[in-house]
Each structure stands twice: as structure tokens, then as C-alpha cells.
């Protein structure tokens, strides 16, 4: 004979607390005393109670899940270590509120259509946007769906519409460029990320803020945040500005590609060409030489993005963007 499944009434009886208070804790209410919450958590463990999500959804009109939408091809998820940091941190922070994370890839039109169908179907309470490009058709579809959405990094052109948490890309680029100037470098080039992303555009702006007219077009090449893209862009720079003596690269992964191109061209790093990156990802300590770079606080960015989204899901009318400082990390490449 099977054992009766524990109910919320059993939890309330075991905790010596009203069923209403138990229900409030189970539904994520933060305004419950620490003692009451601890008693309820002990009672849940003792009784073996498991939340019936379907029943909860009928009452709260919530799914208990959030979609993280990555607007990049699937292969970038596995190549770029930044995405794994964001994904891991967001999952952990949501779990603290008993909210599940659903990862969705929106790298092309077919992917976007599937994402929109899923979200319009009411399967998520909100959306975390990662690596969203300016003009992405997904943004209009999300707005029509009326779902709360928050971005990791500003969405260019929608900074006042879609809340976000981000590193201070422009100031970080200024810091790195000033550092290279301070090292006595005279012909400093840059490899940008895509200019329809905040990291691509703002880091280029920071570079130009410091160098002014010295930020000539032939000293600027554009990449795509991949290792291969960095390698191609570095080869392009060496061809059009062979006298360059430093390069600020808009991501560590592209910087790893740039180092490969410099080695192939017989350029010594940092003797002939100093190389600075951006991220301070795991890539930065695995390159030869180890990479001088700008550390962006990705874990905090992810935590703040989740906090902003949960505030909106909980009924906040608006939330303010969060911009976090970067930090120069000096290693051997510059």
C-alpha cells in the first residue's frame, strides 16, 4: 500500500504555523520572519513535502520558470567561457527563489520563431536577454507578448526601455588604452566586437576617447568575439598598419586569436606588440604569454540581472539599470 503524499496541511501542523504562512513561504513571499521560515523549512524536510507546481501555477498565475535567451549561434555557447559564467550564476540565483531556468538559443530566424512561440505560450514568467544585438526582431515580439525582460548588457537603442545590468564597457576600454599609452606605446590598434552590441560599440568609444585623432581607421579592425575572428582581424591590422606596437582587443577570446596571428607573423609579445584583452575569463590565464586584460564582474552582472527581473516579476513598475566597474589585471602580454 502506497504512503499518502504529504500536503501543505501536514507541513503547517509539523511547523506549528498557519497554513497561510506556509503558503506565503512556498510562493516566495520575502516578508516572513526568519524563525517562521526556518520552522517551515524543517517541517518540509521532515514530512517530505514536494511543491505541486501545477497547483501553484493555478493559484499564482506563474510558471515558476524564467527563460534565458542567448542571441548567438549554438556553437558560441560552448566556445565563449563568459556564457557559462552567466548561465551558472543565473541558475544558482534563481534556484534560491525556487525558480527554474530554461535556456533558449535564438541564433537565427527559425530559432527566434520557436522562442517567441514558447514565450507567447505562457511557459515563462520573464526573460533574461544575453548578447542581444541592436535591431533584433525578437525584441518587438517580446514587447508584444508583454513579458518582463531584463538584459545582460544594454540593448543598443533600447536602453531606456529594457532594464539591464552591465559592466562599464566604455570606462574599461579607457583604462586599458590609458595603460597601453602609459607603457610608451605609440601606434595602438584595436579589435572590436560587433558594433551592434554594447561591448563592441562602447569599448570602441572608450578607445577613441583616449586616443582621439590617433584612433585612425587603419588601426581599427572588427571581430565577432570568436578566436578565429580575432586571428583574422589581427592579420588585417598587420597588413594595413605593420608598424603598430600595441593592440587592445575587445574580448579575451579574440585576444587569443590575435596572439596566434602575431606569432605566425613573427612578432614577439610584448616586446614588439603589447596585447590587452577584456573579460578576464579563463582564456586570459591559458594564453602564451598570459593576458593583461580588463576584468568585468560577470557573476555580479548575472546576479543583478536576475534581481532586476525578479523584481519586475514580483510586480515592480520599473527598475533602474545597474552599471558595475571593471578592473585592470596586469599579466605578461602588456
C-alpha atoms as a PDB file:
ATOM      1  CA  UNK A   1       0.000   0.000   0.000  1.00  0.00           C
ATOM      2  CA  UNK A   2       1.483   3.369  -1.040  1.00  0.00           C
ATOM      3  CA  UNK A   3       2.129   6.079   1.541  1.00  0.00           C
ATOM      4  CA  UNK A   4      -0.105   9.157   1.367  1.00  0.00           C
ATOM      5  CA  UNK A   5       1.609  12.116  -0.248  1.00  0.00           C
ATOM      6  CA  UNK A   6       2.314  14.888   2.325  1.00  0.00           C
ATOM      7  CA  UNK A   7       0.243  18.046   1.941  1.00  0.00           C
ATOM      8  CA  UNK A   8       0.636  21.692   2.908  1.00  0.00           C
ATOM      9  CA  UNK A   9      -1.609  20.948   5.909  1.00  0.00           C
ATOM     10  CA  UNK A  10       0.950  18.387   7.122  1.00  0.00           C
ATOM     11  CA  UNK A  11       3.725  20.973   6.832  1.00  0.00           C
ATOM     12  CA  UNK A  12       1.683  23.545   8.765  1.00  0.00           C
ATOM     13  CA  UNK A  13       0.915  21.029  11.530  1.00  0.00           C
ATOM     14  CA  UNK A  14       4.554  19.918  11.817  1.00  0.00           C
ATOM     15  CA  UNK A  15       5.799  23.522  11.905  1.00  0.00           C
ATOM     16  CA  UNK A  16       3.102  24.712  14.314  1.00  0.00           C
ATOM     17  CA  UNK A  17       2.397  27.584  11.916  1.00  0.00           C
ATOM     18  CA  UNK A  18      -0.731  28.561   9.985  1.00  0.00           C
ATOM     19  CA  UNK A  19      -1.348  27.133   6.535  1.00  0.00           C
ATOM     20  CA  UNK A  20      -1.462  30.705   5.183  1.00  0.00           C
ATOM     21  CA  UNK A  21       2.071  31.456   6.362  1.00  0.00           C
ATOM     22  CA  UNK A  22       3.334  28.181   4.871  1.00  0.00           C
ATOM     23  CA  UNK A  23       1.685  29.111   1.588  1.00  0.00           C
ATOM     24  CA  UNK A  24       3.331  32.524   1.604  1.00  0.00           C
ATOM     25  CA  UNK A  25       6.786  30.965   2.066  1.00  0.00           C
ATOM     26  CA  UNK A  26       6.154  28.419  -0.700  1.00  0.00           C
ATOM     27  CA  UNK A  27       5.097  31.232  -3.049  1.00  0.00           C
ATOM     28  CA  UNK A  28       8.304  33.196  -2.470  1.00  0.00           C
ATOM     29  CA  UNK A  29       6.974  35.860  -0.091  1.00  0.00           C
ATOM     30  CA  UNK A  30      10.017  37.573   1.432  1.00  0.00           C
ATOM     31  CA  UNK A  31       8.091  39.176   4.290  1.00  0.00           C
ATOM     32  CA  UNK A  32       8.017  36.187   6.639  1.00  0.00           C
ATOM     33  CA  UNK A  33      10.053  36.086   9.854  1.00  0.00           C
ATOM     34  CA  UNK A  34      13.321  34.173   9.877  1.00  0.00           C
ATOM     35  CA  UNK A  35      12.079  31.915  12.701  1.00  0.00           C
ATOM     36  CA  UNK A  36       8.860  31.037  10.886  1.00  0.00           C
ATOM     37  CA  UNK A  37      10.713  30.369   7.635  1.00  0.00           C
ATOM     38  CA  UNK A  38      13.212  28.082   9.406  1.00  0.00           C
ATOM     39  CA  UNK A  39      10.397  26.140  11.095  1.00  0.00           C
ATOM     40  CA  UNK A  40       8.629  25.672   7.768  1.00  0.00           C
ATOM     41  CA  UNK A  41      11.802  24.513   6.038  1.00  0.00           C
ATOM     42  CA  UNK A  42      12.413  21.953   8.819  1.00  0.00           C
ATOM     43  CA  UNK A  43       8.821  20.736   8.524  1.00  0.00           C
ATOM     44  CA  UNK A  44       9.150  20.354   4.761  1.00  0.00           C
ATOM     45  CA  UNK A  45      12.288  18.228   5.253  1.00  0.00           C
ATOM     46  CA  UNK A  46      10.616  16.115   7.959  1.00  0.00           C
ATOM     47  CA  UNK A  47       7.394  15.469   6.064  1.00  0.00           C
ATOM     48  CA  UNK A  48       8.977  15.034   2.640  1.00  0.00           C
ATOM     49  CA  UNK A  49       6.565  17.573   1.169  1.00  0.00           C
ATOM     50  CA  UNK A  50       7.121  18.453  -2.515  1.00  0.00           C
ATOM     51  CA  UNK A  51       5.529  21.515  -4.099  1.00  0.00           C
ATOM     52  CA  UNK A  52       2.935  20.703  -6.772  1.00  0.00           C
ATOM     53  CA  UNK A  53       3.947  23.242  -9.389  1.00  0.00           C
ATOM     54  CA  UNK A  54       0.792  22.776 -11.475  1.00  0.00           C
ATOM     55  CA  UNK A  55      -1.406  23.543  -8.481  1.00  0.00           C
ATOM     56  CA  UNK A  56       0.763  26.523  -7.546  1.00  0.00           C
ATOM     57  CA  UNK A  57       0.519  27.903 -11.088  1.00  0.00           C
ATOM     58  CA  UNK A  58      -3.283  27.799 -10.973  1.00  0.00           C
ATOM     59  CA  UNK A  59      -3.249  29.957  -7.840  1.00  0.00           C
ATOM     60  CA  UNK A  60      -0.348  32.327  -8.555  1.00  0.00           C
ATOM     61  CA  UNK A  61      -0.681  32.505 -12.348  1.00  0.00           C
ATOM     62  CA  UNK A  62       3.067  31.907 -12.514  1.00  0.00           C
ATOM     63  CA  UNK A  63       5.071  29.137 -14.113  1.00  0.00           C
ATOM     64  CA  UNK A  64       7.996  29.179 -11.694  1.00  0.00           C
ATOM     65  CA  UNK A  65      10.444  29.432 -14.583  1.00  0.00           C
ATOM     66  CA  UNK A  66      12.449  32.085 -16.413  1.00  0.00           C
ATOM     67  CA  UNK A  67      13.817  31.861 -19.964  1.00  0.00           C
ATOM     68  CA  UNK A  68      17.419  32.852 -20.675  1.00  0.00           C
ATOM     69  CA  UNK A  69      17.558  33.743 -24.371  1.00  0.00           C
ATOM     70  CA  UNK A  70      21.020  33.719 -25.963  1.00  0.00           C
ATOM     71  CA  UNK A  71      21.010  35.560 -29.294  1.00  0.00           C
ATOM     72  CA  UNK A  72      24.048  33.782 -30.740  1.00  0.00           C
ATOM     73  CA  UNK A  73      24.668  30.584 -32.729  1.00  0.00           C
ATOM     74  CA  UNK A  74      24.773  27.481 -30.548  1.00  0.00           C
ATOM     75  CA  UNK A  75      28.495  26.908 -31.036  1.00  0.00           C
ATOM     76  CA  UNK A  76      29.305  30.223 -29.316  1.00  0.00           C
ATOM     77  CA  UNK A  77      27.671  28.939 -26.125  1.00  0.00           C
ATOM     78  CA  UNK A  78      30.401  26.324 -25.858  1.00  0.00           C
ATOM     79  CA  UNK A  79      33.345  28.397 -27.172  1.00  0.00           C
ATOM     80  CA  UNK A  80      32.938  31.552 -25.099  1.00  0.00           C
ATOM     81  CA  UNK A  81      33.509  30.981 -21.344  1.00  0.00           C
ATOM     82  CA  UNK A  82      31.569  34.152 -20.489  1.00  0.00           C
ATOM     83  CA  UNK A  83      28.290  32.470 -21.333  1.00  0.00           C
ATOM     84  CA  UNK A  84      28.914  29.569 -18.964  1.00  0.00           C
ATOM     85  CA  UNK A  85      29.591  32.038 -16.117  1.00  0.00           C
ATOM     86  CA  UNK A  86      26.362  33.920 -16.811  1.00  0.00           C
ATOM     87  CA  UNK A  87      24.355  30.709 -17.151  1.00  0.00           C
ATOM     88  CA  UNK A  88      25.748  29.122 -13.977  1.00  0.00           C
ATOM     89  CA  UNK A  89      25.308  32.240 -11.862  1.00  0.00           C
ATOM     90  CA  UNK A  90      21.778  32.968 -13.089  1.00  0.00           C
ATOM     91  CA  UNK A  91      20.736  29.359 -12.457  1.00  0.00           C
ATOM     92  CA  UNK A  92      22.098  29.461  -8.900  1.00  0.00           C
ATOM     93  CA  UNK A  93      20.482  32.793  -8.072  1.00  0.00           C
ATOM     94  CA  UNK A  94      17.087  31.731  -9.470  1.00  0.00           C
ATOM     95  CA  UNK A  95      17.259  28.443  -7.549  1.00  0.00           C
ATOM     96  CA  UNK A  96      17.375  30.446  -4.320  1.00  0.00           C
ATOM     97  CA  UNK A  97      13.839  31.560  -5.175  1.00  0.00           C
ATOM     98  CA  UNK A  98      12.816  28.078  -6.363  1.00  0.00           C
ATOM     99  CA  UNK A  99      12.642  29.338  -9.946  1.00  0.00           C
ATOM    100  CA  UNK A 100      13.864  27.165 -12.821  1.00  0.00           C
ATOM    101  CA  UNK A 101      15.882  28.467 -15.756  1.00  0.00           C
ATOM    102  CA  UNK A 102      15.141  27.426 -19.342  1.00  0.00           C
ATOM    103  CA  UNK A 103      17.986  28.053 -21.812  1.00  0.00           C
ATOM    104  CA  UNK A 104      16.853  29.048 -25.305  1.00  0.00           C
ATOM    105  CA  UNK A 105      19.069  29.777 -28.322  1.00  0.00           C
ATOM    106  CA  UNK A 106      17.927  32.485 -30.737  1.00  0.00           C
ATOM    107  CA  UNK A 107      20.777  32.488 -33.229  1.00  0.00           C
ATOM    108  CA  UNK A 108      18.715  32.694 -36.421  1.00  0.00           C
ATOM    109  CA  UNK A 109      15.184  33.394 -37.671  1.00  0.00           C
ATOM    110  CA  UNK A 110      13.991  29.822 -37.093  1.00  0.00           C
ATOM    111  CA  UNK A 111      15.312  29.833 -33.527  1.00  0.00           C
ATOM    112  CA  UNK A 112      13.678  33.195 -32.835  1.00  0.00           C
ATOM    113  CA  UNK A 113      10.331  31.949 -34.065  1.00  0.00           C
ATOM    114  CA  UNK A 114      10.497  28.956 -31.720  1.00  0.00           C
ATOM    115  CA  UNK A 115      11.477  31.177 -28.788  1.00  0.00           C
ATOM    116  CA  UNK A 116       8.572  33.556 -29.446  1.00  0.00           C
ATOM    117  CA  UNK A 117       6.073  30.677 -29.707  1.00  0.00           C
ATOM    118  CA  UNK A 118       7.316  29.268 -26.407  1.00  0.00           C
ATOM    119  CA  UNK A 119       7.127  32.585 -24.581  1.00  0.00           C
ATOM    120  CA  UNK A 120       3.725  33.524 -26.012  1.00  0.00           C
ATOM    121  CA  UNK A 121       2.502  30.140 -24.812  1.00  0.00           C
ATOM    122  CA  UNK A 122       2.890  31.345 -21.227  1.00  0.00           C
ATOM    123  CA  UNK A 123       5.705  28.960 -20.299  1.00  0.00           C
ATOM    124  CA  UNK A 124       7.902  31.561 -18.550  1.00  0.00           C
ATOM    125  CA  UNK A 125       7.353  34.389 -16.082  1.00  0.00           C
ATOM    126  CA  UNK A 126      10.114  36.557 -17.548  1.00  0.00           C
ATOM    127  CA  UNK A 127      13.091  36.677 -19.884  1.00  0.00           C
ATOM    128  CA  UNK A 128      16.830  37.184 -19.357  1.00  0.00           C
ATOM    129  CA  UNK A 129      18.382  38.516 -22.578  1.00  0.00           C
ATOM    130  CA  UNK A 130      22.031  37.679 -23.288  1.00  0.00           C
ATOM    131  CA  UNK A 131      24.114  39.009 -26.199  1.00  0.00           C
ATOM    132  CA  UNK A 132      21.119  40.716 -27.803  1.00  0.00           C
ATOM    133  CA  UNK A 133      22.009  42.673 -30.947  1.00  0.00           C
ATOM    134  CA  UNK A 134      20.517  46.062 -31.857  1.00  0.00           C
ATOM    135  CA  UNK A 135      17.524  45.680 -34.143  1.00  0.00           C
ATOM    136  CA  UNK A 136      16.880  42.047 -33.215  1.00  0.00           C
ATOM    137  CA  UNK A 137      13.258  41.231 -34.291  1.00  0.00           C
ATOM    138  CA  UNK A 138      12.897  39.217 -31.096  1.00  0.00           C
ATOM    139  CA  UNK A 139      12.682  42.475 -29.119  1.00  0.00           C
ATOM    140  CA  UNK A 140       9.456  43.621 -30.790  1.00  0.00           C
ATOM    141  CA  UNK A 141       7.930  40.181 -30.321  1.00  0.00           C
ATOM    142  CA  UNK A 142       8.786  40.235 -26.605  1.00  0.00           C
ATOM    143  CA  UNK A 143       7.265  43.677 -26.226  1.00  0.00           C
ATOM    144  CA  UNK A 144       4.016  42.484 -27.838  1.00  0.00           C
ATOM    145  CA  UNK A 145       3.974  39.455 -25.530  1.00  0.00           C
ATOM    146  CA  UNK A 146       4.105  41.772 -22.524  1.00  0.00           C
ATOM    147  CA  UNK A 147       6.627  39.650 -20.610  1.00  0.00           C
ATOM    148  CA  UNK A 148       9.065  41.233 -18.149  1.00  0.00           C
ATOM    149  CA  UNK A 149      12.548  41.255 -19.708  1.00  0.00           C
ATOM    150  CA  UNK A 150      15.978  42.316 -18.458  1.00  0.00           C
ATOM    151  CA  UNK A 151      19.247  42.249 -20.414  1.00  0.00           C
ATOM    152  CA  UNK A 152      22.810  41.281 -19.504  1.00  0.00           C
ATOM    153  CA  UNK A 153      24.371  44.364 -21.046  1.00  0.00           C
ATOM    154  CA  UNK A 154      22.363  47.224 -22.519  1.00  0.00           C
ATOM    155  CA  UNK A 155      20.390  46.612 -25.704  1.00  0.00           C
ATOM    156  CA  UNK A 156      21.562  49.396 -28.026  1.00  0.00           C
ATOM    157  CA  UNK A 157      18.710  51.728 -28.924  1.00  0.00           C
ATOM    158  CA  UNK A 158      16.506  50.378 -26.121  1.00  0.00           C
ATOM    159  CA  UNK A 159      18.482  51.391 -23.065  1.00  0.00           C
ATOM    160  CA  UNK A 160      15.501  53.296 -21.638  1.00  0.00           C
ATOM    161  CA  UNK A 161      13.006  50.545 -22.484  1.00  0.00           C
ATOM    162  CA  UNK A 162      14.711  47.298 -21.440  1.00  0.00           C
ATOM    163  CA  UNK A 163      16.371  47.353 -17.994  1.00  0.00           C
ATOM    164  CA  UNK A 164      19.872  45.913 -17.801  1.00  0.00           C
ATOM    165  CA  UNK A 165      22.905  45.178 -15.683  1.00  0.00           C
ATOM    166  CA  UNK A 166      26.317  45.614 -17.276  1.00  0.00           C
ATOM    167  CA  UNK A 167      30.000  46.236 -16.797  1.00  0.00           C
ATOM    168  CA  UNK A 168      31.177  49.766 -17.582  1.00  0.00           C
ATOM    169  CA  UNK A 169      32.481  48.890 -21.050  1.00  0.00           C
ATOM    170  CA  UNK A 170      33.447  52.392 -22.088  1.00  0.00           C
ATOM    171  CA  UNK A 171      35.397  53.232 -18.939  1.00  0.00           C
ATOM    172  CA  UNK A 172      37.059  49.796 -19.004  1.00  0.00           C
ATOM    173  CA  UNK A 173      38.279  50.457 -22.539  1.00  0.00           C
ATOM    174  CA  UNK A 174      39.584  53.858 -21.461  1.00  0.00           C
ATOM    175  CA  UNK A 175      41.518  52.228 -18.620  1.00  0.00           C
ATOM    176  CA  UNK A 176      43.172  49.683 -20.904  1.00  0.00           C
ATOM    177  CA  UNK A 177      44.018  52.253 -23.571  1.00  0.00           C
ATOM    178  CA  UNK A 178      45.493  54.637 -20.997  1.00  0.00           C
ATOM    179  CA  UNK A 179      47.564  51.762 -19.624  1.00  0.00           C
ATOM    180  CA  UNK A 180      48.987  50.966 -23.077  1.00  0.00           C
ATOM    181  CA  UNK A 181      49.789  54.652 -23.634  1.00  0.00           C
ATOM    182  CA  UNK A 182      51.479  54.707 -20.229  1.00  0.00           C
ATOM    183  CA  UNK A 183      53.649  51.783 -21.297  1.00  0.00           C
ATOM    184  CA  UNK A 184      55.101  54.014 -24.020  1.00  0.00           C
ATOM    185  CA  UNK A 185      53.177  52.502 -26.937  1.00  0.00           C
ATOM    186  CA  UNK A 186      52.793  54.911 -29.851  1.00  0.00           C
ATOM    187  CA  UNK A 187      50.710  53.113 -32.519  1.00  0.00           C
ATOM    188  CA  UNK A 188      47.866  51.432 -30.669  1.00  0.00           C
ATOM    189  CA  UNK A 189      45.289  49.467 -32.626  1.00  0.00           C
ATOM    190  CA  UNK A 190      42.035  47.852 -31.552  1.00  0.00           C
ATOM    191  CA  UNK A 191      39.926  44.836 -32.477  1.00  0.00           C
ATOM    192  CA  UNK A 192      36.278  45.482 -31.690  1.00  0.00           C
ATOM    193  CA  UNK A 193      33.378  43.166 -31.107  1.00  0.00           C
ATOM    194  CA  UNK A 194      30.258  43.533 -33.292  1.00  0.00           C
ATOM    195  CA  UNK A 195      29.193  47.170 -33.285  1.00  0.00           C
ATOM    196  CA  UNK A 196      25.522  46.245 -32.826  1.00  0.00           C
ATOM    197  CA  UNK A 197      26.385  45.028 -29.306  1.00  0.00           C
ATOM    198  CA  UNK A 198      27.169  47.294 -26.342  1.00  0.00           C
ATOM    199  CA  UNK A 199      30.570  45.697 -25.750  1.00  0.00           C
ATOM    200  CA  UNK A 200      31.566  46.245 -29.367  1.00  0.00           C
ATOM    201  CA  UNK A 201      30.430  49.860 -29.584  1.00  0.00           C
ATOM    202  CA  UNK A 202      31.184  51.157 -26.074  1.00  0.00           C
ATOM    203  CA  UNK A 203      34.688  49.662 -25.945  1.00  0.00           C
ATOM    204  CA  UNK A 204      35.499  51.277 -29.292  1.00  0.00           C
ATOM    205  CA  UNK A 205      34.192  54.584 -27.947  1.00  0.00           C
ATOM    206  CA  UNK A 206      36.392  54.263 -24.848  1.00  0.00           C
ATOM    207  CA  UNK A 207      39.428  53.535 -27.033  1.00  0.00           C
ATOM    208  CA  UNK A 208      38.703  56.619 -29.158  1.00  0.00           C
ATOM    209  CA  UNK A 209      38.084  58.778 -26.049  1.00  0.00           C
ATOM    210  CA  UNK A 210      41.718  58.302 -25.038  1.00  0.00           C
ATOM    211  CA  UNK A 211      43.458  58.367 -28.429  1.00  0.00           C
ATOM    212  CA  UNK A 212      41.363  60.985 -30.220  1.00  0.00           C
ATOM    213  CA  UNK A 213      42.708  61.524 -33.741  1.00  0.00           C
ATOM    214  CA  UNK A 214      45.314  58.810 -33.230  1.00  0.00           C
ATOM    215  CA  UNK A 215      42.481  56.244 -33.409  1.00  0.00           C
ATOM    216  CA  UNK A 216      42.825  56.130 -37.192  1.00  0.00           C
ATOM    217  CA  UNK A 217      40.598  53.853 -39.294  1.00  0.00           C
ATOM    218  CA  UNK A 218      43.546  51.706 -40.359  1.00  0.00           C
ATOM    219  CA  UNK A 219      44.190  50.950 -36.683  1.00  0.00           C
ATOM    220  CA  UNK A 220      40.644  49.612 -36.150  1.00  0.00           C
ATOM    221  CA  UNK A 221      39.520  46.132 -37.172  1.00  0.00           C
ATOM    222  CA  UNK A 222      36.256  44.395 -36.372  1.00  0.00           C
ATOM    223  CA  UNK A 223      35.820  40.911 -34.927  1.00  0.00           C
ATOM    224  CA  UNK A 224      32.967  38.698 -33.771  1.00  0.00           C
ATOM    225  CA  UNK A 225      34.004  37.640 -30.243  1.00  0.00           C
ATOM    226  CA  UNK A 226      35.490  34.363 -31.524  1.00  0.00           C
ATOM    227  CA  UNK A 227      39.095  33.168 -31.501  1.00  0.00           C
ATOM    228  CA  UNK A 228      39.091  32.831 -35.280  1.00  0.00           C
ATOM    229  CA  UNK A 229      37.605  36.316 -35.645  1.00  0.00           C
ATOM    230  CA  UNK A 230      40.399  37.771 -33.523  1.00  0.00           C
ATOM    231  CA  UNK A 231      43.017  35.981 -35.594  1.00  0.00           C
ATOM    232  CA  UNK A 232      41.564  37.307 -38.858  1.00  0.00           C
ATOM    233  CA  UNK A 233      41.279  40.864 -37.523  1.00  0.00           C
ATOM    234  CA  UNK A 234      44.876  40.837 -36.243  1.00  0.00           C
ATOM    235  CA  UNK A 235      46.147  39.674 -39.634  1.00  0.00           C
ATOM    236  CA  UNK A 236      44.182  42.511 -41.224  1.00  0.00           C
ATOM    237  CA  UNK A 237      45.726  45.071 -38.870  1.00  0.00           C
ATOM    238  CA  UNK A 238      49.254  43.828 -39.531  1.00  0.00           C
ATOM    239  CA  UNK A 239      48.656  44.226 -43.243  1.00  0.00           C
ATOM    240  CA  UNK A 240      47.242  47.753 -43.098  1.00  0.00           C
ATOM    241  CA  UNK A 241      49.333  49.082 -40.174  1.00  0.00           C
ATOM    242  CA  UNK A 242      52.521  46.967 -39.955  1.00  0.00           C
ATOM    243  CA  UNK A 243      54.149  49.468 -37.586  1.00  0.00           C
ATOM    244  CA  UNK A 244      51.620  49.026 -34.800  1.00  0.00           C
ATOM    245  CA  UNK A 245      53.140  48.334 -31.378  1.00  0.00           C
ATOM    246  CA  UNK A 246      50.039  47.565 -29.275  1.00  0.00           C
ATOM    247  CA  UNK A 247      46.507  46.273 -29.700  1.00  0.00           C
ATOM    248  CA  UNK A 248      43.514  46.481 -27.395  1.00  0.00           C
ATOM    249  CA  UNK A 249      41.261  43.518 -28.160  1.00  0.00           C
ATOM    250  CA  UNK A 250      37.580  43.656 -27.195  1.00  0.00           C
ATOM    251  CA  UNK A 251      37.484  40.160 -25.656  1.00  0.00           C
ATOM    252  CA  UNK A 252      39.923  37.622 -24.267  1.00  0.00           C
ATOM    253  CA  UNK A 253      38.823  35.009 -26.781  1.00  0.00           C
ATOM    254  CA  UNK A 254      39.593  37.322 -29.709  1.00  0.00           C
ATOM    255  CA  UNK A 255      42.865  38.274 -27.995  1.00  0.00           C
ATOM    256  CA  UNK A 256      43.869  34.595 -28.001  1.00  0.00           C
ATOM    257  CA  UNK A 257      43.330  34.602 -31.770  1.00  0.00           C
ATOM    258  CA  UNK A 258      45.299  37.838 -32.101  1.00  0.00           C
ATOM    259  CA  UNK A 259      48.241  36.262 -30.234  1.00  0.00           C
ATOM    260  CA  UNK A 260      48.202  33.354 -32.700  1.00  0.00           C
ATOM    261  CA  UNK A 261      48.304  35.761 -35.644  1.00  0.00           C
ATOM    262  CA  UNK A 262      51.186  37.709 -34.108  1.00  0.00           C
ATOM    263  CA  UNK A 263      53.167  34.504 -33.544  1.00  0.00           C
ATOM    264  CA  UNK A 264      52.554  33.475 -37.155  1.00  0.00           C
ATOM    265  CA  UNK A 265      53.850  36.880 -38.291  1.00  0.00           C
ATOM    266  CA  UNK A 266      56.984  36.562 -36.152  1.00  0.00           C
ATOM    267  CA  UNK A 267      56.002  39.368 -33.789  1.00  0.00           C
ATOM    268  CA  UNK A 268      57.065  38.986 -30.141  1.00  0.00           C
ATOM    269  CA  UNK A 269      54.585  39.762 -27.372  1.00  0.00           C
ATOM    270  CA  UNK A 270      55.009  42.099 -25.580  1.00  0.00           C
ATOM    271  CA  UNK A 271      58.431  43.119 -26.966  1.00  0.00           C
ATOM    272  CA  UNK A 272      57.200  44.038 -30.443  1.00  0.00           C
ATOM    273  CA  UNK A 273      53.453  44.288 -29.830  1.00  0.00           C
ATOM    274  CA  UNK A 274      51.668  44.617 -26.483  1.00  0.00           C
ATOM    275  CA  UNK A 275      48.263  42.919 -26.283  1.00  0.00           C
ATOM    276  CA  UNK A 276      45.432  43.824 -23.908  1.00  0.00           C
ATOM    277  CA  UNK A 277      42.131  41.975 -23.655  1.00  0.00           C
ATOM    278  CA  UNK A 278      38.754  42.398 -21.995  1.00  0.00           C
ATOM    279  CA  UNK A 279      36.850  39.974 -19.694  1.00  0.00           C
ATOM    280  CA  UNK A 280      39.456  38.256 -17.501  1.00  0.00           C
ATOM    281  CA  UNK A 281      37.897  34.931 -18.450  1.00  0.00           C
ATOM    282  CA  UNK A 282      39.580  31.540 -18.087  1.00  0.00           C
ATOM    283  CA  UNK A 283      41.132  32.187 -21.511  1.00  0.00           C
ATOM    284  CA  UNK A 284      43.287  35.015 -20.094  1.00  0.00           C
ATOM    285  CA  UNK A 285      45.427  32.705 -17.961  1.00  0.00           C
ATOM    286  CA  UNK A 286      45.766  29.997 -20.613  1.00  0.00           C
ATOM    287  CA  UNK A 287      47.346  32.101 -23.364  1.00  0.00           C
ATOM    288  CA  UNK A 288      51.097  32.413 -24.024  1.00  0.00           C
ATOM    289  CA  UNK A 289      52.005  34.832 -22.610  1.00  0.00           C
ATOM    290  CA  UNK A 290      49.198  35.212 -20.028  1.00  0.00           C
ATOM    291  CA  UNK A 291      46.928  38.088 -20.960  1.00  0.00           C
ATOM    292  CA  UNK A 292      46.801  41.561 -19.487  1.00  0.00           C
ATOM    293  CA  UNK A 293      43.094  42.327 -19.534  1.00  0.00           C
ATOM    294  CA  UNK A 294      40.133  44.192 -18.079  1.00  0.00           C
ATOM    295  CA  UNK A 295      38.177  42.173 -15.524  1.00  0.00           C
ATOM    296  CA  UNK A 296      34.438  42.578 -15.867  1.00  0.00           C
ATOM    297  CA  UNK A 297      32.419  41.264 -12.901  1.00  0.00           C
ATOM    298  CA  UNK A 298      30.271  38.793 -14.843  1.00  0.00           C
ATOM    299  CA  UNK A 299      28.972  36.960 -11.789  1.00  0.00           C
ATOM    300  CA  UNK A 300      27.704  40.210 -10.285  1.00  0.00           C
ATOM    301  CA  UNK A 301      26.243  41.244 -13.640  1.00  0.00           C
ATOM    302  CA  UNK A 302      24.287  37.971 -13.763  1.00  0.00           C
ATOM    303  CA  UNK A 303      23.176  38.320 -10.134  1.00  0.00           C
ATOM    304  CA  UNK A 304      21.955  41.867 -10.671  1.00  0.00           C
ATOM    305  CA  UNK A 305      20.184  40.925 -13.908  1.00  0.00           C
ATOM    306  CA  UNK A 306      18.274  38.174 -12.089  1.00  0.00           C
ATOM    307  CA  UNK A 307      17.442  40.532  -9.208  1.00  0.00           C
ATOM    308  CA  UNK A 308      16.023  43.141 -11.573  1.00  0.00           C
ATOM    309  CA  UNK A 309      13.941  40.557 -13.424  1.00  0.00           C
ATOM    310  CA  UNK A 310      12.517  39.009 -10.247  1.00  0.00           C
ATOM    311  CA  UNK A 311      11.593  42.482  -9.008  1.00  0.00           C
ATOM    312  CA  UNK A 312       9.602  43.031 -12.224  1.00  0.00           C
ATOM    313  CA  UNK A 313       8.002  39.592 -11.987  1.00  0.00           C
ATOM    314  CA  UNK A 314       7.022  40.419  -8.390  1.00  0.00           C
ATOM    315  CA  UNK A 315       5.164  43.497  -9.598  1.00  0.00           C
ATOM    316  CA  UNK A 316       7.659  46.376  -9.596  1.00  0.00           C
ATOM    317  CA  UNK A 317       6.569  49.002 -12.128  1.00  0.00           C
ATOM    318  CA  UNK A 318      10.151  49.817 -13.102  1.00  0.00           C
ATOM    319  CA  UNK A 319      13.754  49.110 -12.118  1.00  0.00           C
ATOM    320  CA  UNK A 320      16.942  51.112 -12.612  1.00  0.00           C
ATOM    321  CA  UNK A 321      19.889  49.862 -14.708  1.00  0.00           C
ATOM    322  CA  UNK A 322      22.984  48.697 -12.838  1.00  0.00           C
ATOM    323  CA  UNK A 323      26.461  49.538 -14.194  1.00  0.00           C
ATOM    324  CA  UNK A 324      29.417  47.881 -12.475  1.00  0.00           C
ATOM    325  CA  UNK A 325      33.106  48.930 -12.545  1.00  0.00           C
ATOM    326  CA  UNK A 326      35.856  46.998 -14.316  1.00  0.00           C
ATOM    327  CA  UNK A 327      39.409  46.346 -13.076  1.00  0.00           C
ATOM    328  CA  UNK A 328      42.754  46.274 -14.880  1.00  0.00           C
ATOM    329  CA  UNK A 329      44.570  42.952 -14.423  1.00  0.00           C
ATOM    330  CA  UNK A 330      48.243  43.119 -15.454  1.00  0.00           C
ATOM    331  CA  UNK A 331      49.948  39.941 -16.626  1.00  0.00           C
ATOM    332  CA  UNK A 332      52.674  39.371 -19.214  1.00  0.00           C
ATOM    333  CA  UNK A 333      51.214  40.328 -22.591  1.00  0.00           C
ATOM    334  CA  UNK A 334      51.436  44.104 -21.999  1.00  0.00           C
END
